[in-house]
Amino acid sequence: MAKRSLKWWVVAALVLVLVVGVGKTWQTRQARQAQAAAALAALQAPTVFQLAEQDVVRVRTHTLQQSVEVSGALRAVHSAIVKAKASGELSGLQVREGDAVQSGQVLARIDPTDHQARVRQADQQAQAAAAQVAIAQRQLDNNQALVNQGFISKTALENSLANLDSAQANHRAALAALDLVRKALADTVVRSPISGHVSARLVQNGERVGVEARLLEVVDVSRLELEAAVPPSQAAGLRVGQTAKLRVEGLGEPVAARVARIGVAAQAGSRSVPVYLTLDGAPGLRHGLFAQGRVTVGEHTGTALPADSVRNDKPTPYVQLLQATDDPSTYRIAHAPVTRLASGHLAQVDQASDSAASVEYIITNSIAENSIITSVRAGFIQENITVKPPAR
């Protein structure tokens, strides 16, 4: 009896364990089914993106300036290369780079010894030629008297006249030679042709220089200009007198400029048109600095939006427009086609940062004013996606 009772207790325990295991398995299965249902419901629920302030742009009416970009190196309107006009040893050169000089100022001297000797030689030759003129004149006067008295023929008088003409020609040639060597002597004094500043010193005292040797470079930085090469498609809108704002390396504030001249011939190879802009005086401007900016060629006013917010991954350019839904706290993304009427930069950006001034805008009539679109920062968003605008 005891063995049979123990056997029944063991069977009952096994049944109980089996029932408990089946119950736990059913509970686990039910929990997994609930999690799967919740995940499916989450996947089927519409996705809502939260947009930041930098992700949206409100379309406004703006005045855009149409402009042509220009860049190049600044150069002085007046500059000069001081060259040696006589050969010899250089001395007395005291000015260096950055020194101010005046027009006609003596900058250096070239050893005049050889040139002084040539002047004395030419002067003596001129005096000898003058003496020959005097002799020929006396001979002519004597022969004229003898002809009048009938002692000699007129042929001798004509020979005397020819000798006088020859002597006078030789005297004039000697005087011309004297003028040349005197000029060469004067050229041993090196003077500045313009007022300005020395930009380069190319020789040192004691060097022997030849004719046309480069000694100094002088620039007048009171008037600077920018020479820029503009593509033909943009050069057509340029006119003399149009204004520009230039950014010069090293200067914090933009410099005003205006179109002074426009080339009448395109450059070979690039076919670009040279344009010259005169800069207003400003502290810190230097010959050779690089500058870039825009020349204003026209203005347009209308509904404007940033050009980089227009997407071009479809056959027709479009913007991602936020459309209202039944829920006032959310919007729906729609891809709205955009028609470009004009492009340019904001006219009122004088006090803005460089990044704001460099943003290009377009004018369109296909997007209503005060509409909200996504900026380039938001990236691509599929149509009909629900988004939340930035919190105000």
Protein backbone atom coordinates (compact mmCIF):
# COMPACT_ATOMS: atom_id res chain seq x y z
CA MET A 1 0.00 0.00 0.00
CA ALA A 2 2.81 2.40 0.89
CA LYS A 3 4.58 1.81 -2.43
CA ARG A 4 1.34 2.38 -4.36
CA SER A 5 0.66 5.64 -2.45
CA LEU A 6 4.21 6.92 -3.19
CA LYS A 7 3.75 6.14 -6.82
CA TRP A 8 0.59 8.23 -6.97
CA TRP A 9 2.33 11.14 -5.26
CA VAL A 10 5.11 11.11 -7.82
CA VAL A 11 2.64 11.03 -10.69
CA ALA A 12 0.70 13.95 -9.18
CA ALA A 13 3.91 15.97 -8.79
CA LEU A 14 4.87 15.35 -12.40
CA VAL A 15 1.42 16.42 -13.58
CA LEU A 16 1.66 19.57 -11.49
CA VAL A 17 5.08 20.46 -12.93
CA LEU A 18 3.77 19.85 -16.42
CA VAL A 19 0.75 22.09 -15.81
CA VAL A 20 2.94 24.89 -14.44
CA GLY A 21 5.33 24.65 -17.45
CA VAL A 22 2.46 24.76 -19.91
CA GLY A 23 1.07 27.83 -18.14
CA LYS A 24 4.37 29.68 -18.27
CA THR A 25 4.85 28.79 -21.93
CA TRP A 26 1.38 30.14 -22.73
CA GLN A 27 2.08 33.38 -20.83
CA THR A 28 5.40 33.87 -22.66
CA ARG A 29 3.69 33.29 -25.98
CA GLN A 30 0.97 35.78 -25.13
CA ALA A 31 3.58 38.40 -24.16
CA ARG A 32 5.47 37.90 -27.41
CA GLN A 33 2.28 38.22 -29.42
CA ALA A 34 1.48 41.46 -27.59
CA GLN A 35 4.97 42.85 -28.34
CA ALA A 36 4.67 41.91 -32.00
CA ALA A 37 1.26 43.55 -32.21
CA ALA A 38 2.65 46.72 -30.62
CA ALA A 39 5.61 46.77 -33.01
CA LEU A 40 3.29 46.27 -36.00
CA ALA A 41 1.07 49.06 -34.78
CA ALA A 42 4.13 51.31 -34.41
CA LEU A 43 5.23 50.50 -37.96
CA GLN A 44 1.77 51.18 -39.33
CA ALA A 45 1.51 54.50 -37.49
CA PRO A 46 2.48 57.56 -39.61
CA THR A 47 6.07 58.84 -39.08
CA VAL A 48 6.29 62.33 -37.64
CA PHE A 49 9.54 64.31 -37.95
CA GLN A 50 10.35 67.18 -35.63
CA LEU A 51 11.89 70.06 -37.58
CA ALA A 52 14.39 72.46 -36.05
CA GLU A 53 14.48 76.21 -36.60
CA GLN A 54 17.32 75.84 -39.12
CA ASP A 55 15.33 73.26 -41.13
CA VAL A 56 12.63 75.65 -42.38
CA VAL A 57 12.46 78.90 -44.31
CA ARG A 58 9.50 81.25 -44.58
CA VAL A 59 8.99 82.68 -48.05
CA ARG A 60 9.06 86.49 -48.01
CA THR A 61 9.07 89.38 -50.45
CA HIS A 62 12.63 90.65 -50.94
CA THR A 63 14.54 92.99 -53.21
CA LEU A 64 17.33 91.09 -54.92
CA GLN A 65 20.38 92.62 -56.50
CA GLN A 66 21.52 90.97 -59.69
CA SER A 67 25.28 91.01 -59.75
CA VAL A 68 28.37 89.87 -61.60
CA GLU A 69 31.18 88.32 -59.59
CA VAL A 70 34.64 89.80 -60.10
CA SER A 71 38.03 88.95 -58.63
CA GLY A 72 41.64 89.79 -59.21
CA ALA A 73 44.68 91.59 -57.86
CA LEU A 74 44.71 95.28 -57.03
CA ARG A 75 47.14 97.42 -58.94
CA ALA A 76 48.08 101.07 -58.80
CA VAL A 77 46.68 103.28 -61.54
CA HIS A 78 49.99 105.14 -61.63
CA SER A 79 53.22 103.15 -61.32
CA ALA A 80 56.68 103.47 -62.81
CA ILE A 81 59.83 101.44 -63.31
CA VAL A 82 62.86 103.64 -62.65
CA LYS A 83 65.58 102.60 -65.12
CA ALA A 84 69.13 103.74 -65.69
CA LYS A 85 69.43 106.01 -68.73
CA ALA A 86 73.22 106.02 -68.58
CA SER A 87 75.79 103.33 -67.81
CA GLY A 88 78.22 103.47 -64.92
CA GLU A 89 78.72 102.80 -61.23
CA LEU A 90 75.68 103.50 -59.04
CA SER A 91 75.96 105.61 -55.90
CA GLY A 92 73.80 107.66 -53.55
CA LEU A 93 70.83 105.25 -53.59
CA GLN A 94 69.27 105.71 -50.13
CA VAL A 95 65.53 104.92 -50.53
CA ARG A 96 64.22 101.47 -49.72
CA GLU A 97 60.94 99.57 -49.98
CA GLY A 98 58.09 101.54 -48.43
CA ASP A 99 59.80 104.94 -48.56
CA ALA A 100 57.75 107.83 -49.94
CA VAL A 101 59.22 109.75 -52.90
CA GLN A 102 58.17 112.86 -54.79
CA SER A 103 58.08 113.47 -58.51
CA GLY A 104 61.48 114.79 -59.61
CA GLN A 105 63.22 113.75 -56.40
CA VAL A 106 66.86 112.66 -56.83
CA LEU A 107 67.05 108.97 -55.97
CA ALA A 108 70.58 108.02 -57.00
CA ARG A 109 73.54 109.02 -59.15
CA ILE A 110 75.65 107.24 -61.72
CA ASP A 111 79.40 107.94 -61.92
CA PRO A 112 79.60 110.92 -64.35
CA THR A 113 83.38 110.84 -65.06
CA ASP A 114 83.12 109.30 -68.54
CA HIS A 115 80.18 111.48 -69.46
CA GLN A 116 81.89 114.67 -68.32
CA ALA A 117 84.89 113.82 -70.50
CA ARG A 118 82.61 113.27 -73.46
CA VAL A 119 80.97 116.65 -72.85
CA ARG A 120 84.37 118.38 -72.87
CA GLN A 121 85.35 116.52 -76.02
CA ALA A 122 82.11 117.45 -77.80
CA ASP A 123 82.46 121.05 -76.64
CA GLN A 124 85.98 121.29 -78.11
CA GLN A 125 84.77 119.80 -81.38
CA ALA A 126 81.95 122.35 -81.49
CA GLN A 127 84.46 125.17 -80.92
CA ALA A 128 86.69 123.81 -83.70
CA ALA A 129 83.70 123.67 -86.03
CA ALA A 130 82.83 127.26 -85.10
CA ALA A 131 86.41 128.32 -85.99
CA GLN A 132 86.08 126.66 -89.37
CA VAL A 133 82.87 128.57 -89.94
CA ALA A 134 84.67 131.82 -89.17
CA ILE A 135 87.50 130.97 -91.57
CA ALA A 136 85.05 130.03 -94.32
CA GLN A 137 83.12 133.26 -93.74
CA ARG A 138 86.26 135.40 -94.06
CA GLN A 139 87.27 133.52 -97.19
CA LEU A 140 83.85 134.16 -98.69
CA ASP A 141 84.00 137.86 -97.81
CA ASN A 142 87.46 138.21 -99.41
CA ASN A 143 86.44 136.39 -102.59
CA GLN A 144 83.30 138.53 -102.81
CA ALA A 145 85.45 141.67 -102.80
CA LEU A 146 87.81 140.24 -105.40
CA VAL A 147 84.91 139.28 -107.64
CA ASN A 148 83.50 142.76 -107.39
CA GLN A 149 86.89 144.15 -108.51
CA GLY A 150 87.15 141.61 -111.30
CA PHE A 151 90.31 139.88 -110.05
CA ILE A 152 88.75 136.34 -109.76
CA SER A 153 85.93 134.53 -111.42
CA LYS A 154 82.53 133.79 -109.94
CA THR A 155 83.43 130.11 -109.78
CA ALA A 156 85.89 130.77 -106.97
CA LEU A 157 83.13 132.69 -105.13
CA GLU A 158 80.78 129.75 -105.47
CA ASN A 159 83.43 127.40 -104.06
CA SER A 160 83.87 129.71 -101.07
CA LEU A 161 80.10 129.74 -100.51
CA ALA A 162 80.04 125.93 -100.62
CA ASN A 163 82.91 125.76 -98.09
CA LEU A 164 80.97 128.06 -95.76
CA ASP A 165 77.82 125.93 -96.02
CA SER A 166 79.88 122.81 -95.25
CA ALA A 167 81.53 124.45 -92.26
CA GLN A 168 78.19 125.62 -90.89
CA ALA A 169 76.73 122.12 -91.28
CA ASN A 170 79.68 120.63 -89.42
CA HIS A 171 79.20 123.21 -86.66
CA ARG A 172 75.52 122.35 -86.31
CA ALA A 173 76.38 118.63 -86.17
CA ALA A 174 78.97 119.32 -83.47
CA LEU A 175 76.40 121.29 -81.44
CA ALA A 176 73.89 118.42 -81.77
CA ALA A 177 76.51 115.95 -80.55
CA LEU A 178 77.23 118.28 -77.64
CA ASP A 179 73.50 118.31 -76.73
CA LEU A 180 73.47 114.50 -76.75
CA VAL A 181 76.41 114.09 -74.41
CA ARG A 182 75.06 116.83 -72.13
CA LYS A 183 71.77 114.92 -71.92
CA ALA A 184 73.70 111.73 -71.14
CA LEU A 185 75.49 113.62 -68.37
CA ALA A 186 72.17 114.85 -66.99
CA ASP A 187 70.86 111.27 -67.10
CA THR A 188 73.49 110.24 -64.57
CA VAL A 189 71.19 111.83 -61.99
CA VAL A 190 68.32 109.35 -61.35
CA ARG A 191 65.02 111.06 -60.51
CA SER A 192 61.60 109.71 -59.61
CA PRO A 193 59.11 110.12 -62.48
CA ILE A 194 56.05 110.11 -60.17
CA SER A 195 55.11 110.67 -56.56
CA GLY A 196 54.42 107.51 -54.58
CA HIS A 197 56.14 104.81 -52.57
CA VAL A 198 59.03 102.52 -53.44
CA SER A 199 57.68 99.01 -53.89
CA ALA A 200 60.93 97.30 -54.92
CA ARG A 201 64.65 98.10 -54.84
CA LEU A 202 66.48 96.00 -57.42
CA VAL A 203 70.12 97.20 -57.15
CA GLN A 204 72.63 98.25 -54.54
CA ASN A 205 75.18 101.04 -54.36
CA GLY A 206 78.49 100.22 -56.05
CA GLU A 207 76.94 98.07 -58.78
CA ARG A 208 77.78 98.91 -62.36
CA VAL A 209 74.55 99.26 -64.29
CA GLY A 210 73.88 99.49 -67.99
CA VAL A 211 71.41 101.51 -69.98
CA GLU A 212 67.79 100.41 -69.32
CA ALA A 213 68.79 98.52 -66.16
CA ARG A 214 65.88 98.35 -63.67
CA LEU A 215 66.70 100.20 -60.46
CA LEU A 216 63.46 100.81 -58.55
CA GLU A 217 59.70 100.35 -58.77
CA VAL A 218 57.51 103.22 -57.59
CA VAL A 219 53.73 102.95 -57.13
CA ASP A 220 51.12 105.53 -56.25
CA VAL A 221 48.70 103.75 -53.89
CA SER A 222 46.37 106.75 -53.66
CA ARG A 223 44.49 105.37 -56.66
CA LEU A 224 44.02 101.63 -57.06
CA GLU A 225 42.01 99.59 -59.52
CA LEU A 226 40.96 95.99 -59.94
CA GLU A 227 41.32 94.25 -63.29
CA ALA A 228 38.88 91.34 -63.55
CA ALA A 229 38.13 88.90 -66.35
CA VAL A 230 34.37 88.47 -66.82
CA PRO A 231 32.71 85.77 -68.97
CA PRO A 232 31.01 87.13 -72.11
CA SER A 233 27.59 85.96 -70.90
CA GLN A 234 27.86 88.25 -67.87
CA ALA A 235 29.81 91.12 -69.40
CA ALA A 236 26.79 92.18 -71.47
CA GLY A 237 25.10 93.56 -68.34
CA LEU A 238 28.05 95.67 -67.21
CA ARG A 239 28.06 99.44 -67.66
CA VAL A 240 30.55 102.15 -66.74
CA GLY A 241 29.59 103.72 -63.41
CA GLN A 242 27.96 100.64 -61.85
CA THR A 243 28.84 100.16 -58.19
CA ALA A 244 30.43 97.19 -56.46
CA LYS A 245 31.40 95.94 -53.02
CA LEU A 246 34.79 94.26 -52.79
CA ARG A 247 36.30 92.12 -50.08
CA VAL A 248 40.05 92.72 -49.89
CA GLU A 249 42.26 90.22 -48.10
CA GLY A 250 43.38 91.60 -44.77
CA LEU A 251 40.56 94.17 -44.51
CA GLY A 252 37.56 93.54 -42.30
CA GLU A 253 35.11 95.86 -44.02
CA PRO A 254 34.10 95.80 -47.71
CA VAL A 255 35.48 98.50 -49.98
CA ALA A 256 33.29 100.46 -52.38
CA ALA A 257 34.26 100.45 -56.04
CA ARG A 258 32.79 101.37 -59.41
CA VAL A 259 33.27 100.25 -62.98
CA ALA A 260 35.69 102.67 -64.64
CA ARG A 261 36.42 100.96 -67.97
CA ILE A 262 35.30 97.91 -69.93
CA GLY A 263 37.56 96.27 -72.46
CA VAL A 264 36.50 96.51 -76.09
CA ALA A 265 38.13 93.20 -77.07
CA ALA A 266 37.86 89.74 -75.55
CA GLN A 267 41.01 88.05 -74.34
CA ALA A 268 42.44 85.36 -76.59
CA GLY A 269 41.85 81.81 -75.40
CA SER A 270 39.44 82.43 -72.53
CA ARG A 271 37.27 84.88 -74.50
CA SER A 272 36.69 86.75 -71.26
CA VAL A 273 36.21 90.52 -71.21
CA PRO A 274 38.55 92.66 -69.05
CA VAL A 275 36.75 95.00 -66.67
CA TYR A 276 38.48 97.68 -64.60
CA LEU A 277 37.06 98.87 -61.26
CA THR A 278 38.32 101.95 -59.44
CA LEU A 279 38.43 101.64 -55.65
CA ASP A 280 37.70 104.40 -53.19
CA GLY A 281 40.54 105.15 -50.81
CA ALA A 282 40.61 103.06 -47.65
CA PRO A 283 43.27 102.40 -44.98
CA GLY A 284 45.18 99.20 -45.54
CA LEU A 285 44.83 99.02 -49.32
CA ARG A 286 48.02 97.83 -50.99
CA HIS A 287 49.23 97.26 -54.52
CA GLY A 288 49.01 93.52 -55.32
CA LEU A 289 46.36 92.49 -52.75
CA PHE A 290 43.69 90.04 -53.91
CA ALA A 291 40.10 91.26 -53.96
CA GLN A 292 36.76 89.75 -54.89
CA GLY A 293 33.18 90.94 -54.89
CA ARG A 294 30.11 91.67 -56.97
CA VAL A 295 29.12 94.42 -59.36
CA THR A 296 25.44 95.32 -59.04
CA VAL A 297 23.83 95.28 -62.50
CA GLY A 298 20.11 95.42 -61.58
CA GLU A 299 17.42 94.85 -58.96
CA HIS A 300 14.24 92.74 -58.81
CA THR A 301 11.54 92.66 -56.12
CA GLY A 302 9.24 89.69 -55.56
CA THR A 303 8.55 86.53 -53.60
CA ALA A 304 12.01 85.16 -52.88
CA LEU A 305 13.42 81.98 -51.39
CA PRO A 306 16.97 80.63 -50.98
CA ALA A 307 18.26 79.04 -54.16
CA ASP A 308 19.82 76.13 -52.26
CA SER A 309 16.38 75.08 -50.96
CA VAL A 310 15.35 74.17 -54.52
CA ARG A 311 15.92 70.47 -55.22
CA ASN A 312 16.81 69.17 -58.68
CA ASP A 313 16.60 65.40 -58.27
CA LYS A 314 13.42 65.34 -60.36
CA PRO A 315 12.83 66.44 -63.96
CA THR A 316 11.23 69.64 -62.64
CA PRO A 317 12.87 71.69 -59.87
CA TYR A 318 10.81 71.72 -56.68
CA VAL A 319 10.76 72.71 -53.02
CA GLN A 320 9.54 70.74 -50.03
CA LEU A 321 6.47 72.70 -48.96
CA LEU A 322 4.79 72.34 -45.56
CA GLN A 323 1.03 72.01 -46.07
CA ALA A 324 -1.49 72.30 -43.23
CA THR A 325 -3.36 69.22 -41.99
CA ASP A 326 -6.43 68.65 -39.81
CA ASP A 327 -4.10 68.61 -36.84
CA PRO A 328 -2.89 72.23 -36.36
CA SER A 329 0.31 70.97 -34.71
CA THR A 330 1.50 69.02 -37.76
CA TYR A 331 2.10 69.60 -41.45
CA ARG A 332 2.35 67.39 -44.52
CA ILE A 333 5.30 67.54 -46.91
CA ALA A 334 4.43 68.31 -50.55
CA HIS A 335 6.86 68.62 -53.45
CA ALA A 336 5.85 71.90 -55.13
CA PRO A 337 7.35 72.80 -58.55
CA VAL A 338 9.28 76.09 -58.69
CA THR A 339 9.62 78.55 -61.57
CA ARG A 340 12.74 80.75 -61.47
CA LEU A 341 12.05 84.31 -62.64
CA ALA A 342 15.25 85.98 -61.46
CA SER A 343 18.13 85.38 -59.09
CA GLY A 344 20.47 87.48 -56.99
CA HIS A 345 21.49 88.38 -53.47
CA LEU A 346 19.62 90.28 -50.81
CA ALA A 347 19.96 94.02 -51.21
CA GLN A 348 19.92 94.78 -47.47
CA VAL A 349 22.84 92.79 -46.09
CA ASP A 350 25.33 95.54 -45.27
CA GLN A 351 25.24 94.71 -41.58
CA ALA A 352 24.84 90.96 -42.06
CA SER A 353 27.54 88.35 -41.87
CA ASP A 354 29.50 87.22 -44.89
CA SER A 355 27.57 83.94 -44.94
CA ALA A 356 24.23 85.77 -45.15
CA ALA A 357 25.51 88.09 -47.84
CA SER A 358 26.71 85.17 -49.95
CA VAL A 359 23.37 83.29 -50.00
CA GLU A 360 21.77 83.36 -53.44
CA TYR A 361 18.00 83.84 -53.68
CA ILE A 362 15.55 83.32 -56.52
CA ILE A 363 12.29 85.12 -57.28
CA THR A 364 9.34 82.92 -58.14
CA ASN A 365 5.60 83.21 -58.72
CA SER A 366 4.83 79.55 -58.03
CA ILE A 367 5.14 79.70 -54.22
CA ALA A 368 2.85 81.95 -52.18
CA GLU A 369 4.27 84.50 -49.77
CA ASN A 370 4.50 83.37 -46.12
CA SER A 371 4.64 79.74 -47.20
CA ILE A 372 7.00 77.52 -45.18
CA ILE A 373 9.53 75.36 -47.02
CA THR A 374 12.40 73.22 -45.84
CA SER A 375 15.95 74.52 -46.06
CA VAL A 376 18.91 72.70 -47.56
CA ARG A 377 19.83 71.54 -44.05
CA ALA A 378 16.66 69.42 -43.73
CA GLY A 379 17.67 67.12 -46.60
CA PHE A 380 15.27 65.04 -48.69
CA ILE A 381 11.87 64.22 -47.18
CA GLN A 382 9.34 62.06 -49.01
CA GLU A 383 5.95 63.45 -49.94
CA ASN A 384 3.07 63.07 -47.50
CA ILE A 385 5.41 62.65 -44.55
CA THR A 386 4.04 64.32 -41.43
CA VAL A 387 6.30 66.84 -39.74
CA LYS A 388 6.11 69.12 -36.75
CA PRO A 389 7.27 72.72 -37.16
CA PRO A 390 9.87 74.21 -34.82
CA ALA A 391 8.64 75.14 -31.41
CA ARG A 392 8.05 78.85 -31.02
